[in-house]
Amino acid sequence: MIRQVFFIWVLFGLALAASGQKSRVLSVFQLIESEKYEDAKEAIELAIWNDRTAKWPRTYYAKGLLCQSAFEAGFEKNETKKTNLYPGQLFVAYDAYEKAMQLDSRGKLNTLVSLQYSNLANDFQKLGKKLFLKKDYAGAMEAFEHALLVSKSPILTVQTDTSLVYNIAMAAYESKNWEKAISYLTGLDQDGFSPTTTLLLYRAHLANGDSLLGEEVLIEGVERYNSDENIVLQLVDLLVTTGRTESAILILDSAAVRMPENYLFPWTLGMVHQSNGMNDVAITNFLKASDLAPGEVRIYYNLGICYYNTGVEINESARHIRNNVEYQAARMQAKASFQDAVRWLEKAYENDPGDQQTISKLYQLYYRLQMTEKQKSMELLIR
C-alpha cells in the first residue's frame, strides 16, 4: 500500500513538473504582450532545453511568435535590440513555426500559424526591400525567397504574387546569381510579365556564357510583346554586331509594319543602311522617321550626315571623269548634296545649339561651300 502511494506521488510530481514547464511556455505569450522580449527569450530557450517541453508544439510556436513580434516591433523604428534578438530573426521565426507544425501531428496549431504566416510573408518582403536598398542583394534574395516560401505554405490559400517573384529575380540578377536569376526570369517571361524581363533574361544568359539562348529569348520576346521597341532594338544590335545585317533589316521591316507610328524603327533602319554606305535608302528611312517625329534632333543630324557622305562620294567619283561637262555636272550634283546637308544640320543646330558634332560638321560644310561668315560663327563655337 505504501509502495502504491509512493508511485502515485511520483506520478503526481512528474505531472506537476511537466505542468510547470508548460506554464513557463505559456508565460512567454504574456511576456510578448508586455514587450518583455529578453525575458521571453530566456523562458523559451529554457523550455526548448527541457525534456518535458522540448517536443511540445506550442514551445516552438511561442518561439516563432516571439521572433516575429519582436522583429515587427523594432523594424519600423530600426530598434536593433528588438530586431536582433536572434541572428537572422525572421528566418528563426519561420523555422520555429515549421517545427511546431511538424510536431503537431493533429494540426491543431495550423490556424494559429496561418494567421502569423500572412504577416510573416510581408515581414520578409519588407526585410528584402531594406536589404536591396542597402545593396545586400544576396541577403535580399534570401528574404524575398522566404516570403515566397511562406506564401506557398499549404496552410495558406493565396495566389503567387508575381511582383514578389520579380523582386527575387532582380535581387538574384544584382547579386550575379545567374542560375537563379535565369530560373525566375524565365518563368516571368513565359507568363508575359513585362518586356523588361525579356531584356534582363537576355543579359543574364550572356553573363552566364550562353549567347544562343539569349538570342532565342529576344526572338521570342519580339513576338510575345508585339515588337516592343526595346526588345527589337536589342535584337537588331545583336544581329548587326554579329554581322547579320540582312536579318536585322528584316526584323526592323516587320516591326515597322506592326508599329507604323513608331519613328524608331525607320530611324534605326536608316542607321543600318547608312553604316553599310547605302545613303539613298538611309535617307528614305530617315525622312519617314522625321515625318513621324518632327523636331527629333538625331534624325536631322543623320539626314545631314547622309547628304554629306553622298556629296563626298560624288566628288570622289568625279575625280575619274575625263569629260569636262560630265565632271562639272557631277561637281554641281555634289554641291547640291552638300547644301542639303547644311539644311538638315542647321535644323539640328537650331534644336540643339550646343552639340559639338553638329557644330563641327557645319563648320566643315561652310568652309567647303565658301560660306565665310557662317564658317566664322561656327569656328567661335568649336571647343
Protein backbone atom coordinates (compact mmCIF):
# COMPACT_ATOMS: atom_id res chain seq x y z
CA MET A 1 0.00 0.00 0.00
CA ILE A 2 2.82 2.36 0.94
CA ARG A 3 4.62 1.45 -2.28
CA GLN A 4 1.47 2.17 -4.35
CA VAL A 5 1.01 5.57 -2.65
CA PHE A 6 4.68 6.34 -3.36
CA PHE A 7 4.24 5.69 -7.10
CA ILE A 8 1.10 7.83 -7.15
CA TRP A 9 3.03 10.70 -5.58
CA VAL A 10 5.90 10.22 -8.07
CA LEU A 11 3.48 10.35 -11.00
CA PHE A 12 1.73 13.34 -9.48
CA GLY A 13 5.09 15.07 -9.04
CA LEU A 14 6.03 14.39 -12.65
CA ALA A 15 2.70 15.73 -13.81
CA LEU A 16 3.20 18.87 -11.75
CA ALA A 17 6.73 19.28 -13.13
CA ALA A 18 5.51 18.88 -16.70
CA SER A 19 2.66 21.25 -16.00
CA GLY A 20 5.12 23.72 -14.52
CA GLN A 21 7.29 23.60 -17.61
CA LYS A 22 4.29 24.12 -19.89
CA SER A 23 3.24 27.05 -17.71
CA ARG A 24 6.67 28.54 -18.38
CA VAL A 25 5.94 28.30 -22.14
CA LEU A 26 2.50 29.81 -21.69
CA SER A 27 4.02 32.69 -19.75
CA VAL A 28 6.03 33.55 -22.86
CA PHE A 29 2.84 34.75 -24.57
CA GLN A 30 2.20 37.18 -21.70
CA LEU A 31 5.78 38.43 -21.86
CA ILE A 32 5.40 39.03 -25.61
CA GLU A 33 2.22 41.01 -24.98
CA SER A 34 4.14 43.12 -22.45
CA GLU A 35 7.02 43.52 -24.93
CA LYS A 36 9.42 41.91 -22.46
CA TYR A 37 11.24 40.17 -25.28
CA GLU A 38 14.51 39.41 -23.45
CA ASP A 39 12.62 37.71 -20.61
CA ALA A 40 10.50 35.82 -23.12
CA LYS A 41 13.63 34.64 -24.93
CA GLU A 42 15.17 33.35 -21.69
CA ALA A 43 11.98 31.48 -20.81
CA ILE A 44 11.52 29.90 -24.25
CA GLU A 45 15.15 28.79 -24.52
CA LEU A 46 14.83 27.05 -21.13
CA ALA A 47 11.69 25.35 -22.36
CA ILE A 48 13.45 24.14 -25.52
CA TRP A 49 16.24 22.63 -23.48
CA ASN A 50 13.87 20.95 -21.02
CA ASP A 51 12.96 17.36 -21.98
CA ARG A 52 9.34 17.85 -20.91
CA THR A 53 8.66 20.76 -23.31
CA ALA A 54 11.31 20.20 -25.99
CA LYS A 55 8.83 18.29 -28.14
CA TRP A 56 5.72 20.25 -27.29
CA PRO A 57 4.45 22.02 -30.45
CA ARG A 58 3.44 25.16 -28.56
CA THR A 59 7.03 25.66 -27.42
CA TYR A 60 8.12 26.29 -31.00
CA TYR A 61 5.00 28.23 -31.87
CA ALA A 62 5.84 30.52 -28.92
CA LYS A 63 9.41 30.94 -30.16
CA GLY A 64 8.22 31.78 -33.67
CA LEU A 65 5.75 34.31 -32.32
CA LEU A 66 8.43 35.87 -30.11
CA CYS A 67 10.86 36.30 -33.02
CA GLN A 68 8.21 37.69 -35.33
CA SER A 69 6.64 40.03 -32.76
CA ALA A 70 9.98 41.46 -31.64
CA PHE A 71 11.04 41.98 -35.27
CA GLU A 72 7.81 43.76 -36.16
CA ALA A 73 8.03 45.93 -33.05
CA GLY A 74 11.56 47.07 -33.85
CA PHE A 75 11.70 47.13 -37.65
CA GLU A 76 10.00 50.44 -38.46
CA LYS A 77 11.89 52.34 -35.74
CA ASN A 78 15.16 50.49 -36.50
CA GLU A 79 15.41 49.26 -32.91
CA THR A 80 18.15 46.67 -33.38
CA LYS A 81 17.78 45.33 -29.86
CA LYS A 82 14.38 44.01 -30.92
CA THR A 83 15.17 43.02 -34.49
CA ASN A 84 18.43 41.30 -33.48
CA LEU A 85 17.04 39.31 -30.59
CA TYR A 86 18.27 36.32 -32.60
CA PRO A 87 20.66 36.32 -35.58
CA GLY A 88 18.52 36.08 -38.72
CA GLN A 89 15.45 36.59 -36.58
CA LEU A 90 12.71 36.20 -39.20
CA PHE A 91 14.33 33.02 -40.51
CA VAL A 92 14.40 31.68 -36.94
CA ALA A 93 10.70 32.51 -36.65
CA TYR A 94 9.91 30.59 -39.85
CA ASP A 95 11.92 27.55 -38.75
CA ALA A 96 10.21 27.58 -35.34
CA TYR A 97 6.71 27.71 -36.88
CA GLU A 98 7.59 24.89 -39.25
CA LYS A 99 8.88 22.75 -36.38
CA ALA A 100 5.73 23.47 -34.38
CA MET A 101 3.57 22.15 -37.24
CA GLN A 102 5.88 19.17 -37.72
CA LEU A 103 5.44 18.17 -34.06
CA ASP A 104 1.72 18.95 -34.13
CA SER A 105 0.55 15.73 -35.79
CA ARG A 106 -3.13 16.63 -35.39
CA GLY A 107 -2.76 20.04 -36.96
CA LYS A 108 -4.24 21.91 -34.01
CA LEU A 109 -1.87 24.84 -34.48
CA ASN A 110 -2.41 25.28 -38.24
CA THR A 111 -4.99 28.02 -37.83
CA LEU A 112 -2.82 29.98 -35.42
CA VAL A 113 0.28 29.64 -37.61
CA SER A 114 -1.64 30.59 -40.75
CA LEU A 115 -2.65 33.87 -39.11
CA GLN A 116 1.02 34.62 -38.43
CA TYR A 117 2.17 33.50 -41.89
CA SER A 118 0.10 36.15 -43.62
CA ASN A 119 2.11 38.81 -41.81
CA LEU A 120 5.37 36.86 -41.93
CA ALA A 121 5.37 36.91 -45.75
CA ASN A 122 5.02 40.70 -45.60
CA ASP A 123 7.76 40.93 -42.98
CA PHE A 124 10.16 39.03 -45.25
CA GLN A 125 9.29 41.35 -48.13
CA LYS A 126 9.97 44.44 -46.01
CA LEU A 127 13.29 42.97 -44.94
CA GLY A 128 14.14 42.12 -48.56
CA LYS A 129 13.41 45.66 -49.76
CA LYS A 130 15.52 47.14 -46.97
CA LEU A 131 18.46 44.87 -47.78
CA PHE A 132 18.08 45.57 -51.51
CA LEU A 133 18.31 49.31 -50.90
CA LYS A 134 21.45 48.67 -48.86
CA LYS A 135 22.79 46.73 -51.89
CA ASP A 136 22.92 43.50 -49.90
CA TYR A 137 21.44 41.70 -52.90
CA ALA A 138 22.22 38.16 -51.74
CA GLY A 139 20.50 38.86 -48.40
CA ALA A 140 17.56 40.48 -50.18
CA MET A 141 17.18 37.46 -52.43
CA GLU A 142 17.08 35.11 -49.43
CA ALA A 143 14.47 37.27 -47.71
CA PHE A 144 12.29 37.50 -50.82
CA GLU A 145 12.58 33.76 -51.40
CA HIS A 146 11.37 33.10 -47.87
CA ALA A 147 8.44 35.46 -48.45
CA LEU A 148 7.54 33.30 -51.45
CA LEU A 149 8.08 30.11 -49.45
CA VAL A 150 5.76 31.30 -46.68
CA SER A 151 3.08 32.40 -49.14
CA LYS A 152 3.15 28.97 -50.78
CA SER A 153 2.62 27.15 -47.48
CA PRO A 154 -0.21 24.58 -47.71
CA ILE A 155 -1.90 26.19 -44.70
CA LEU A 156 -2.47 29.35 -46.77
CA THR A 157 -4.69 29.75 -49.82
CA VAL A 158 -3.16 32.69 -51.67
CA GLN A 159 -2.10 33.10 -55.27
CA THR A 160 1.57 33.57 -56.12
CA ASP A 161 2.48 37.25 -56.19
CA THR A 162 4.35 37.75 -59.48
CA SER A 163 5.77 41.07 -58.29
CA LEU A 164 7.42 39.15 -55.44
CA VAL A 165 8.90 36.70 -57.94
CA TYR A 166 10.20 39.70 -59.91
CA ASN A 167 11.83 41.06 -56.74
CA ILE A 168 13.60 37.73 -56.23
CA ALA A 169 14.74 37.75 -59.86
CA MET A 170 16.09 41.30 -59.54
CA ALA A 171 17.95 40.51 -56.31
CA ALA A 172 19.42 37.37 -57.92
CA TYR A 173 20.38 39.41 -61.01
CA GLU A 174 22.06 42.15 -58.99
CA SER A 175 23.92 39.58 -56.87
CA LYS A 176 25.11 37.93 -60.13
CA ASN A 177 23.50 34.64 -59.15
CA TRP A 178 22.83 33.90 -62.81
CA GLU A 179 21.29 30.45 -62.36
CA LYS A 180 18.61 31.72 -60.01
CA ALA A 181 18.11 34.91 -61.99
CA ILE A 182 17.57 32.87 -65.17
CA SER A 183 15.23 30.48 -63.39
CA TYR A 184 12.92 33.17 -62.02
CA LEU A 185 13.12 35.44 -65.08
CA THR A 186 12.28 32.55 -67.40
CA GLY A 187 9.05 31.86 -65.53
CA LEU A 188 8.10 35.53 -65.55
CA ASP A 189 8.95 35.95 -69.21
CA GLN A 190 6.93 32.91 -70.26
CA ASP A 191 3.97 34.37 -68.36
CA GLY A 192 4.39 37.65 -70.27
CA PHE A 193 5.20 39.67 -67.15
CA SER A 194 6.86 42.59 -68.96
CA PRO A 195 9.34 43.35 -71.78
CA THR A 196 11.89 44.19 -69.09
CA THR A 197 12.04 40.54 -68.06
CA THR A 198 12.98 39.59 -71.62
CA LEU A 199 15.87 42.06 -71.68
CA LEU A 200 17.08 41.03 -68.22
CA LEU A 201 16.85 37.35 -69.13
CA TYR A 202 18.84 38.01 -72.32
CA ARG A 203 21.59 39.77 -70.35
CA ALA A 204 21.60 37.05 -67.69
CA HIS A 205 22.15 34.40 -70.38
CA LEU A 206 25.00 36.46 -71.84
CA ALA A 207 26.59 36.85 -68.40
CA ASN A 208 26.19 33.11 -67.91
CA GLY A 209 28.04 32.47 -71.17
CA ASP A 210 25.08 31.37 -73.30
CA SER A 211 24.59 33.85 -76.15
CA LEU A 212 22.50 31.40 -78.20
CA LEU A 213 19.83 31.10 -75.51
CA GLY A 214 19.99 34.85 -75.07
CA GLU A 215 19.24 35.37 -78.75
CA GLU A 216 16.33 32.91 -78.60
CA VAL A 217 14.89 34.90 -75.68
CA LEU A 218 14.98 38.11 -77.74
CA ILE A 219 13.42 36.47 -80.81
CA GLU A 220 10.58 35.06 -78.69
CA GLY A 221 10.24 38.42 -76.91
CA VAL A 222 9.69 40.26 -80.18
CA GLU A 223 6.67 38.03 -80.85
CA ARG A 224 5.43 37.87 -77.27
CA TYR A 225 5.44 41.61 -76.75
CA ASN A 226 4.31 42.63 -80.26
CA SER A 227 7.58 44.18 -81.43
CA ASP A 228 8.34 46.09 -78.24
CA GLU A 229 10.84 48.74 -79.33
CA ASN A 230 13.47 47.97 -76.67
CA ILE A 231 13.49 44.25 -77.46
CA VAL A 232 13.56 44.88 -81.21
CA LEU A 233 16.44 47.34 -80.93
CA GLN A 234 18.41 44.99 -78.66
CA LEU A 235 17.94 42.14 -81.14
CA VAL A 236 18.91 44.38 -84.07
CA ASP A 237 22.04 45.49 -82.22
CA LEU A 238 22.98 41.85 -81.62
CA LEU A 239 22.40 40.91 -85.26
CA VAL A 240 24.32 43.87 -86.66
CA THR A 241 27.20 43.32 -84.22
CA THR A 242 27.48 39.70 -85.31
CA GLY A 243 27.42 40.60 -89.00
CA ARG A 244 23.84 39.58 -89.78
CA THR A 245 22.69 42.88 -91.21
CA GLU A 246 20.09 41.40 -93.56
CA SER A 247 18.38 39.64 -90.64
CA ALA A 248 18.40 42.89 -88.69
CA ILE A 249 16.75 44.70 -91.61
CA LEU A 250 14.04 42.03 -91.84
CA ILE A 251 13.30 42.39 -88.12
CA LEU A 252 13.06 46.18 -88.43
CA ASP A 253 10.87 45.99 -91.55
CA SER A 254 8.48 43.66 -89.75
CA ALA A 255 8.41 45.88 -86.65
CA ALA A 256 7.74 48.97 -88.80
CA VAL A 257 4.71 47.22 -90.33
CA ARG A 258 3.40 46.21 -86.90
CA MET A 259 4.04 49.60 -85.31
CA PRO A 260 3.84 52.14 -88.17
CA GLU A 261 3.58 55.08 -85.75
CA ASN A 262 6.91 54.33 -84.06
CA TYR A 263 9.65 56.51 -85.58
CA LEU A 264 12.45 54.46 -84.00
CA PHE A 265 12.08 51.62 -86.48
CA PRO A 266 12.58 53.63 -89.71
CA TRP A 267 15.23 55.70 -87.91
CA THR A 268 17.16 52.54 -86.96
CA LEU A 269 16.69 51.17 -90.48
CA GLY A 270 18.27 54.37 -91.71
CA MET A 271 21.20 53.90 -89.34
CA VAL A 272 21.76 50.32 -90.50
CA HIS A 273 21.69 51.29 -94.19
CA GLN A 274 23.87 54.32 -93.53
CA SER A 275 26.51 52.16 -91.84
CA ASN A 276 26.54 49.99 -94.99
CA GLY A 277 27.09 53.00 -97.21
CA MET A 278 23.56 52.88 -98.66
CA ASN A 279 22.89 56.58 -98.15
CA ASP A 280 19.94 56.85 -100.55
CA VAL A 281 18.00 54.10 -98.76
CA ALA A 282 19.05 55.56 -95.41
CA ILE A 283 17.71 58.99 -96.42
CA THR A 284 14.35 57.49 -97.39
CA ASN A 285 14.02 55.90 -93.94
CA PHE A 286 15.24 58.98 -92.10
CA LEU A 287 12.64 61.09 -93.90
CA LYS A 288 9.92 58.63 -92.81
CA ALA A 289 11.19 58.88 -89.24
CA SER A 290 11.24 62.67 -89.47
CA ASP A 291 7.58 62.73 -90.57
CA LEU A 292 6.68 60.62 -87.52
CA ALA A 293 8.82 62.61 -85.09
CA PRO A 294 9.25 66.18 -86.31
CA GLY A 295 11.78 68.02 -84.20
CA GLU A 296 13.81 64.91 -83.33
CA VAL A 297 17.37 66.26 -83.47
CA ARG A 298 19.08 62.92 -84.07
CA ILE A 299 17.12 62.39 -87.28
CA TYR A 300 18.06 65.84 -88.59
CA TYR A 301 21.70 65.17 -87.82
CA ASN A 302 21.65 61.77 -89.51
CA LEU A 303 20.00 63.22 -92.61
CA GLY A 304 22.69 65.87 -92.77
CA ILE A 305 25.44 63.26 -92.49
CA CYS A 306 23.85 61.11 -95.22
CA TYR A 307 23.72 64.05 -97.65
CA TYR A 308 27.27 64.99 -96.68
CA ASN A 309 28.53 61.45 -97.31
CA THR A 310 26.67 61.37 -100.62
CA GLY A 311 28.37 64.60 -101.68
CA VAL A 312 31.78 63.20 -100.73
CA GLU A 313 31.10 60.02 -102.74
CA ILE A 314 30.05 62.01 -105.82
CA ASN A 315 33.19 64.12 -105.59
CA GLU A 316 35.36 61.01 -105.31
CA SER A 317 33.70 59.51 -108.40
CA ALA A 318 34.07 62.80 -110.28
CA ARG A 319 37.84 62.60 -109.98
CA HIS A 320 37.81 59.75 -112.51
CA ILE A 321 35.60 61.53 -115.07
CA ARG A 322 37.55 62.70 -118.12
CA ASN A 323 34.74 64.58 -119.86
CA ASN A 324 34.71 68.15 -118.54
CA VAL A 325 30.94 68.65 -118.99
CA GLU A 326 30.20 65.46 -117.11
CA TYR A 327 32.76 66.40 -114.47
CA GLN A 328 31.19 69.82 -113.88
CA ALA A 329 27.71 68.24 -113.70
CA ALA A 330 28.95 65.80 -111.03
CA ARG A 331 30.53 68.65 -109.09
CA MET A 332 27.24 70.56 -109.16
CA GLN A 333 25.42 67.44 -108.00
CA ALA A 334 27.85 67.07 -105.11
CA LYS A 335 27.39 70.74 -104.20
CA ALA A 336 23.60 70.28 -104.15
CA SER A 337 24.05 67.33 -101.80
CA PHE A 338 26.29 69.40 -99.51
CA GLN A 339 23.67 72.17 -99.50
CA ASP A 340 21.01 69.61 -98.46
CA ALA A 341 23.37 68.51 -95.71
CA VAL A 342 23.63 72.11 -94.50
CA ARG A 343 19.85 72.47 -94.48
CA TRP A 344 19.35 69.44 -92.22
CA LEU A 345 22.32 70.13 -89.98
CA GLU A 346 21.14 73.70 -89.45
CA LYS A 347 17.79 72.29 -88.30
CA ALA A 348 19.66 70.04 -85.90
CA TYR A 349 21.68 73.03 -84.65
CA GLU A 350 18.53 75.13 -84.12
CA ASN A 351 17.09 72.39 -81.91
CA ASP A 352 20.35 71.67 -80.07
CA PRO A 353 22.80 74.60 -80.43
CA GLY A 354 25.30 73.11 -78.01
CA ASP A 355 26.02 69.86 -79.87
CA GLN A 356 29.68 69.83 -80.86
CA GLN A 357 29.30 67.18 -83.57
CA THR A 358 26.76 69.33 -85.40
CA ILE A 359 28.87 72.49 -84.98
CA SER A 360 31.99 70.73 -86.28
CA LYS A 361 30.24 69.30 -89.32
CA LEU A 362 28.59 72.64 -90.18
CA TYR A 363 31.98 74.33 -89.93
CA GLN A 364 33.41 71.86 -92.48
CA LEU A 365 30.47 72.34 -94.83
CA TYR A 366 30.55 76.15 -94.60
CA TYR A 367 34.25 76.03 -95.42
CA ARG A 368 33.65 73.69 -98.35
CA LEU A 369 30.82 75.84 -99.72
CA GLN A 370 32.78 79.07 -99.06
CA MET A 371 30.09 80.41 -96.70
CA THR A 372 32.65 82.56 -94.90
CA GLU A 373 30.50 84.44 -92.36
CA LYS A 374 28.72 81.31 -91.19
CA GLN A 375 32.05 79.47 -91.08
CA LYS A 376 33.46 82.12 -88.72
CA SER A 377 30.41 81.94 -86.46
CA MET A 378 30.80 78.15 -86.14
CA GLU A 379 34.54 78.48 -85.53
CA LEU A 380 33.85 80.54 -82.43
CA LEU A 381 31.66 77.75 -81.03
CA ILE A 382 34.12 74.90 -81.53
CA ARG A 383 35.57 73.70 -78.23
